[in-house]
Amino acid sequence: MTYILAEDAVGSVKRTIYARKGDEVKLVADYGNVAIVEDVNGVRFSTLRTNLKNQDESPNQTTKAPNQ
């Protein structure tokens, strides 16, 4: 399943930036509050589940108003 990152994914030790807010990632594994995700380049990293949003919840998508 594909998700959108709600916050930047930054490593805790070396402060490596794995992905930026708004990037699409694919869920690889889920361990309770922590998820292993993969970016479009195939790089895998961990992030909190709270940092993932479904694509349907993405603020970048525009919704059309129904005709009245």
PDB file of N, CA and C in Angstrom:
ATOM      1  N   MET A   1       0.839  -1.167   0.000  1.00  0.00           N
ATOM      2  CA  MET A   1       0.000   0.000   0.000  1.00  0.00           C
ATOM      3  C   MET A   1       0.890   1.238   0.000  1.00  0.00           C
ATOM      4  N   THR A   2       0.491   2.263  -0.704  1.00  0.00           N
ATOM      5  CA  THR A   2       1.264   3.487  -0.839  1.00  0.00           C
ATOM      6  C   THR A   2       0.740   4.552   0.118  1.00  0.00           C
ATOM      7  N   TYR A   3       1.672   5.238   0.772  1.00  0.00           N
ATOM      8  CA  TYR A   3       1.350   6.289   1.725  1.00  0.00           C
ATOM      9  C   TYR A   3       2.111   7.553   1.377  1.00  0.00           C
ATOM     10  N   ILE A   4       1.723   8.652   2.007  1.00  0.00           N
ATOM     11  CA  ILE A   4       2.393   9.940   1.896  1.00  0.00           C
ATOM     12  C   ILE A   4       2.993  10.254   3.266  1.00  0.00           C
ATOM     13  N   LEU A   5       4.239  10.731   3.296  1.00  0.00           N
ATOM     14  CA  LEU A   5       4.869  11.097   4.565  1.00  0.00           C
ATOM     15  C   LEU A   5       4.306  12.424   5.066  1.00  0.00           C
ATOM     16  N   ALA A   6       3.944  12.460   6.353  1.00  0.00           N
ATOM     17  CA  ALA A   6       3.424  13.673   6.967  1.00  0.00           C
ATOM     18  C   ALA A   6       4.555  14.562   7.481  1.00  0.00           C
ATOM     19  N   GLU A   7       5.712  13.982   7.752  1.00  0.00           N
ATOM     20  CA  GLU A   7       6.879  14.707   8.247  1.00  0.00           C
ATOM     21  C   GLU A   7       8.132  14.161   7.562  1.00  0.00           C
ATOM     22  N   ASP A   8       9.227  14.907   7.614  1.00  0.00           N
ATOM     23  CA  ASP A   8      10.500  14.424   7.090  1.00  0.00           C
ATOM     24  C   ASP A   8      10.933  13.176   7.846  1.00  0.00           C
ATOM     25  N   ALA A   9      11.525  12.212   7.147  1.00  0.00           N
ATOM     26  CA  ALA A   9      12.064  11.004   7.769  1.00  0.00           C
ATOM     27  C   ALA A   9      13.557  11.214   7.952  1.00  0.00           C
ATOM     28  N   VAL A  10      13.982  11.425   9.200  1.00  0.00           N
ATOM     29  CA  VAL A  10      15.369  11.743   9.517  1.00  0.00           C
ATOM     30  C   VAL A  10      15.920  10.683  10.452  1.00  0.00           C
ATOM     31  N   GLY A  11      17.113  10.168  10.151  1.00  0.00           N
ATOM     32  CA  GLY A  11      17.770   9.185  11.002  1.00  0.00           C
ATOM     33  C   GLY A  11      18.129   9.778  12.351  1.00  0.00           C
ATOM     34  N   SER A  12      18.055   8.977  13.403  1.00  0.00           N
ATOM     35  CA  SER A  12      18.272   9.498  14.754  1.00  0.00           C
ATOM     36  C   SER A  12      19.748   9.658  15.111  1.00  0.00           C
ATOM     37  N   VAL A  13      20.635   8.879  14.526  1.00  0.00           N
ATOM     38  CA  VAL A  13      22.051   8.947  14.900  1.00  0.00           C
ATOM     39  C   VAL A  13      22.826   9.905  13.999  1.00  0.00           C
ATOM     40  N   LYS A  14      22.838   9.643  12.707  1.00  0.00           N
ATOM     41  CA  LYS A  14      23.618  10.457  11.774  1.00  0.00           C
ATOM     42  C   LYS A  14      22.819  11.617  11.185  1.00  0.00           C
ATOM     43  N   ARG A  15      21.526  11.718  11.546  1.00  0.00           N
ATOM     44  CA  ARG A  15      20.645  12.770  11.040  1.00  0.00           C
ATOM     45  C   ARG A  15      20.526  12.746   9.520  1.00  0.00           C
ATOM     46  N   THR A  16      20.601  11.557   8.948  1.00  0.00           N
ATOM     47  CA  THR A  16      20.433  11.359   7.507  1.00  0.00           C
ATOM     48  C   THR A  16      18.972  11.602   7.137  1.00  0.00           C
ATOM     49  N   ILE A  17      18.739  12.343   6.078  1.00  0.00           N
ATOM     50  CA  ILE A  17      17.375  12.589   5.612  1.00  0.00           C
ATOM     51  C   ILE A  17      17.040  11.512   4.590  1.00  0.00           C
ATOM     52  N   TYR A  18      16.101  10.631   4.942  1.00  0.00           N
ATOM     53  CA  TYR A  18      15.702   9.537   4.063  1.00  0.00           C
ATOM     54  C   TYR A  18      14.621   9.961   3.078  1.00  0.00           C
ATOM     55  N   ALA A  19      13.713  10.813   3.537  1.00  0.00           N
ATOM     56  CA  ALA A  19      12.632  11.275   2.668  1.00  0.00           C
ATOM     57  C   ALA A  19      12.077  12.578   3.224  1.00  0.00           C
ATOM     58  N   ARG A  20      11.432  13.322   2.371  1.00  0.00           N
ATOM     59  CA  ARG A  20      10.859  14.610   2.760  1.00  0.00           C
ATOM     60  C   ARG A  20       9.345  14.510   2.909  1.00  0.00           C
ATOM     61  N   LYS A  21       8.798  15.451   3.633  1.00  0.00           N
ATOM     62  CA  LYS A  21       7.351  15.542   3.820  1.00  0.00           C
ATOM     63  C   LYS A  21       6.672  15.600   2.453  1.00  0.00           C
ATOM     64  N   GLY A  22       5.645  14.771   2.271  1.00  0.00           N
ATOM     65  CA  GLY A  22       4.911  14.742   1.006  1.00  0.00           C
ATOM     66  C   GLY A  22       5.390  13.683   0.039  1.00  0.00           C
ATOM     67  N   ASP A  23       6.520  13.036   0.311  1.00  0.00           N
ATOM     68  CA  ASP A  23       7.022  11.978  -0.571  1.00  0.00           C
ATOM     69  C   ASP A  23       6.150  10.727  -0.457  1.00  0.00           C
ATOM     70  N   GLU A  24       6.022  10.012  -1.565  1.00  0.00           N
ATOM     71  CA  GLU A  24       5.289   8.749  -1.566  1.00  0.00           C
ATOM     72  C   GLU A  24       6.209   7.617  -1.130  1.00  0.00           C
ATOM     73  N   VAL A  25       5.698   6.751  -0.265  1.00  0.00           N
ATOM     74  CA  VAL A  25       6.438   5.580   0.188  1.00  0.00           C
ATOM     75  C   VAL A  25       5.515   4.379   0.171  1.00  0.00           C
ATOM     76  N   LYS A  26       6.132   3.199   0.039  1.00  0.00           N
ATOM     77  CA  LYS A  26       5.380   1.944   0.021  1.00  0.00           C
ATOM     78  C   LYS A  26       5.630   1.214   1.332  1.00  0.00           C
ATOM     79  N   LEU A  27       4.567   0.743   1.967  1.00  0.00           N
ATOM     80  CA  LEU A  27       4.682   0.012   3.220  1.00  0.00           C
ATOM     81  C   LEU A  27       5.264  -1.370   2.964  1.00  0.00           C
ATOM     82  N   VAL A  28       6.357  -1.704   3.656  1.00  0.00           N
ATOM     83  CA  VAL A  28       7.009  -2.998   3.525  1.00  0.00           C
ATOM     84  C   VAL A  28       6.627  -3.889   4.693  1.00  0.00           C
ATOM     85  N   ALA A  29       6.680  -3.353   5.922  1.00  0.00           N
ATOM     86  CA  ALA A  29       6.357  -4.118   7.124  1.00  0.00           C
ATOM     87  C   ALA A  29       5.783  -3.184   8.175  1.00  0.00           C
ATOM     88  N   ASP A  30       4.978  -3.754   9.060  1.00  0.00           N
ATOM     89  CA  ASP A  30       4.331  -2.983  10.109  1.00  0.00           C
ATOM     90  C   ASP A  30       4.579  -3.663  11.446  1.00  0.00           C
ATOM     91  N   TYR A  31       5.154  -2.934  12.392  1.00  0.00           N
ATOM     92  CA  TYR A  31       5.462  -3.473  13.717  1.00  0.00           C
ATOM     93  C   TYR A  31       4.834  -2.593  14.786  1.00  0.00           C
ATOM     94  N   GLY A  32       3.522  -2.602  14.861  1.00  0.00           N
ATOM     95  CA  GLY A  32       2.832  -1.785  15.857  1.00  0.00           C
ATOM     96  C   GLY A  32       2.904  -0.316  15.507  1.00  0.00           C
ATOM     97  N   ASN A  33       3.679   0.453  16.287  1.00  0.00           N
ATOM     98  CA  ASN A  33       3.786   1.890  16.089  1.00  0.00           C
ATOM     99  C   ASN A  33       4.856   2.269  15.062  1.00  0.00           C
ATOM    100  N   VAL A  34       5.667   1.306  14.631  1.00  0.00           N
ATOM    101  CA  VAL A  34       6.757   1.569  13.692  1.00  0.00           C
ATOM    102  C   VAL A  34       6.478   0.847  12.375  1.00  0.00           C
ATOM    103  N   ALA A  35       6.768   1.523  11.272  1.00  0.00           N
ATOM    104  CA  ALA A  35       6.585   0.932   9.949  1.00  0.00           C
ATOM    105  C   ALA A  35       7.906   0.979   9.185  1.00  0.00           C
ATOM    106  N   ILE A  36       8.174  -0.067   8.422  1.00  0.00           N
ATOM    107  CA  ILE A  36       9.303  -0.075   7.491  1.00  0.00           C
ATOM    108  C   ILE A  36       8.718   0.278   6.133  1.00  0.00           C
ATOM    109  N   VAL A  37       9.255   1.321   5.522  1.00  0.00           N
ATOM    110  CA  VAL A  37       8.744   1.794   4.238  1.00  0.00           C
ATOM    111  C   VAL A  37       9.866   1.838   3.215  1.00  0.00           C
ATOM    112  N   GLU A  38       9.486   1.945   1.961  1.00  0.00           N
ATOM    113  CA  GLU A  38      10.439   2.005   0.850  1.00  0.00           C
ATOM    114  C   GLU A  38      10.073   3.185  -0.034  1.00  0.00           C
ATOM    115  N   ASP A  39      11.073   4.006  -0.373  1.00  0.00           N
ATOM    116  CA  ASP A  39      10.791   5.140  -1.257  1.00  0.00           C
ATOM    117  C   ASP A  39      10.848   4.705  -2.722  1.00  0.00           C
ATOM    118  N   VAL A  40      10.663   5.647  -3.631  1.00  0.00           N
ATOM    119  CA  VAL A  40      10.615   5.319  -5.057  1.00  0.00           C
ATOM    120  C   VAL A  40      11.962   4.831  -5.584  1.00  0.00           C
ATOM    121  N   ASN A  41      13.059   5.128  -4.864  1.00  0.00           N
ATOM    122  CA  ASN A  41      14.391   4.681  -5.275  1.00  0.00           C
ATOM    123  C   ASN A  41      14.761   3.326  -4.697  1.00  0.00           C
ATOM    124  N   GLY A  42      13.878   2.731  -3.901  1.00  0.00           N
ATOM    125  CA  GLY A  42      14.144   1.421  -3.314  1.00  0.00           C
ATOM    126  C   GLY A  42      14.846   1.472  -1.973  1.00  0.00           C
ATOM    127  N   VAL A  43      15.038   2.661  -1.411  1.00  0.00           N
ATOM    128  CA  VAL A  43      15.685   2.807  -0.104  1.00  0.00           C
ATOM    129  C   VAL A  43      14.655   2.527   0.982  1.00  0.00           C
ATOM    130  N   ARG A  44      15.005   1.615   1.894  1.00  0.00           N
ATOM    131  CA  ARG A  44      14.100   1.268   2.991  1.00  0.00           C
ATOM    132  C   ARG A  44      14.560   1.930   4.280  1.00  0.00           C
ATOM    133  N   PHE A  45      13.581   2.385   5.063  1.00  0.00           N
ATOM    134  CA  PHE A  45      13.865   3.032   6.341  1.00  0.00           C
ATOM    135  C   PHE A  45      12.646   2.900   7.239  1.00  0.00           C
ATOM    136  N   SER A  46      12.854   3.146   8.517  1.00  0.00           N
ATOM    137  CA  SER A  46      11.751   3.047   9.464  1.00  0.00           C
ATOM    138  C   SER A  46      11.182   4.431   9.751  1.00  0.00           C
ATOM    139  N   THR A  47       9.910   4.463  10.103  1.00  0.00           N
ATOM    140  CA  THR A  47       9.234   5.693  10.493  1.00  0.00           C
ATOM    141  C   THR A  47       8.073   5.334  11.403  1.00  0.00           C
ATOM    142  N   LEU A  48       7.593   6.304  12.147  1.00  0.00           N
ATOM    143  CA  LEU A  48       6.430   6.071  12.997  1.00  0.00           C
ATOM    144  C   LEU A  48       5.174   5.983  12.136  1.00  0.00           C
ATOM    145  N   ARG A  49       4.231   5.154  12.568  1.00  0.00           N
ATOM    146  CA  ARG A  49       2.971   5.019  11.824  1.00  0.00           C
ATOM    147  C   ARG A  49       2.223   6.349  11.768  1.00  0.00           C
ATOM    148  N   THR A  50       2.408   7.185  12.777  1.00  0.00           N
ATOM    149  CA  THR A  50       1.722   8.481  12.787  1.00  0.00           C
ATOM    150  C   THR A  50       2.250   9.418  11.708  1.00  0.00           C
ATOM    151  N   ASN A  51       3.420   9.116  11.130  1.00  0.00           N
ATOM    152  CA  ASN A  51       3.981   9.940  10.057  1.00  0.00           C
ATOM    153  C   ASN A  51       3.484   9.527   8.674  1.00  0.00           C
ATOM    154  N   LEU A  52       2.604   8.535   8.604  1.00  0.00           N
ATOM    155  CA  LEU A  52       2.093   8.057   7.322  1.00  0.00           C
ATOM    156  C   LEU A  52       0.634   8.461   7.148  1.00  0.00           C
ATOM    157  N   LYS A  53       0.304   8.940   5.963  1.00  0.00           N
ATOM    158  CA  LYS A  53      -1.073   9.267   5.613  1.00  0.00           C
ATOM    159  C   LYS A  53      -1.452   8.491   4.359  1.00  0.00           C
ATOM    160  N   ASN A  54      -2.684   8.035   4.302  1.00  0.00           N
ATOM    161  CA  ASN A  54      -3.179   7.423   3.074  1.00  0.00           C
ATOM    162  C   ASN A  54      -3.192   8.471   1.979  1.00  0.00           C
ATOM    163  N   GLN A  55      -3.063   8.047   0.756  1.00  0.00           N
ATOM    164  CA  GLN A  55      -3.081   9.006  -0.348  1.00  0.00           C
ATOM    165  C   GLN A  55      -4.413   9.736  -0.411  1.00  0.00           C
ATOM    166  N   ASP A  56      -5.488   9.114   0.056  1.00  0.00           N
ATOM    167  CA  ASP A  56      -6.800   9.755   0.048  1.00  0.00           C
ATOM    168  C   ASP A  56      -6.835  10.957   0.990  1.00  0.00           C
ATOM    169  N   GLU A  57      -5.981  10.961   2.037  1.00  0.00           N
ATOM    170  CA  GLU A  57      -5.945  12.040   3.014  1.00  0.00           C
ATOM    171  C   GLU A  57      -4.949  13.129   2.640  1.00  0.00           C
ATOM    172  N   SER A  58      -4.280  12.981   1.505  1.00  0.00           N
ATOM    173  CA  SER A  58      -3.234  13.917   1.101  1.00  0.00           C
ATOM    174  C   SER A  58      -3.818  15.299   0.843  1.00  0.00           C
ATOM    175  N   PRO A  59      -3.214  16.370   1.400  1.00  0.00           N
ATOM    176  CA  PRO A  59      -3.721  17.721   1.164  1.00  0.00           C
ATOM    177  C   PRO A  59      -3.438  18.219  -0.241  1.00  0.00           C
ATOM    178  N   ASN A  60      -2.576  17.539  -0.991  1.00  0.00           N
ATOM    179  CA  ASN A  60      -2.218  17.958  -2.345  1.00  0.00           C
ATOM    180  C   ASN A  60      -3.296  17.620  -3.362  1.00  0.00           C
ATOM    181  N   GLN A  61      -4.170  16.697  -3.014  1.00  0.00           N
ATOM    182  CA  GLN A  61      -5.219  16.299  -3.952  1.00  0.00           C
ATOM    183  C   GLN A  61      -6.356  17.309  -3.890  1.00  0.00           C
ATOM    184  N   THR A  62      -6.875  17.660  -5.039  1.00  0.00           N
ATOM    185  CA  THR A  62      -8.000  18.577  -5.074  1.00  0.00           C
ATOM    186  C   THR A  62      -9.286  17.804  -5.208  1.00  0.00           C
ATOM    187  N   THR A  63     -10.293  18.273  -4.526  1.00  0.00           N
ATOM    188  CA  THR A  63     -11.598  17.619  -4.625  1.00  0.00           C
ATOM    189  C   THR A  63     -12.540  18.548  -5.369  1.00  0.00           C
ATOM    190  N   LYS A  64     -13.338  17.983  -6.221  1.00  0.00           N
ATOM    191  CA  LYS A  64     -14.274  18.771  -7.006  1.00  0.00           C
ATOM    192  C   LYS A  64     -15.588  18.866  -6.239  1.00  0.00           C
ATOM    193  N   ALA A  65     -16.136  20.057  -6.224  1.00  0.00           N
ATOM    194  CA  ALA A  65     -17.428  20.256  -5.565  1.00  0.00           C
ATOM    195  C   ALA A  65     -18.519  19.674  -6.451  1.00  0.00           C
ATOM    196  N   PRO A  66     -19.520  19.069  -5.838  1.00  0.00           N
ATOM    197  CA  PRO A  66     -20.626  18.516  -6.646  1.00  0.00           C
ATOM    198  C   PRO A  66     -21.429  19.643  -7.291  1.00  0.00           C
ATOM    199  N   ASN A  67     -21.977  19.364  -8.451  1.00  0.00           N
ATOM    200  CA  ASN A  67     -22.814  20.353  -9.153  1.00  0.00           C
ATOM    201  C   ASN A  67     -24.093  20.575  -8.371  1.00  0.00           C
ATOM    202  N   GLN A  68     -24.461  21.836  -8.218  1.00  0.00           N
ATOM    203  CA  GLN A  68     -25.684  22.134  -7.455  1.00  0.00           C
ATOM    204  C   GLN A  68     -26.726  22.740  -8.343  1.00  0.00           C
TER     205      GLN A  68
END
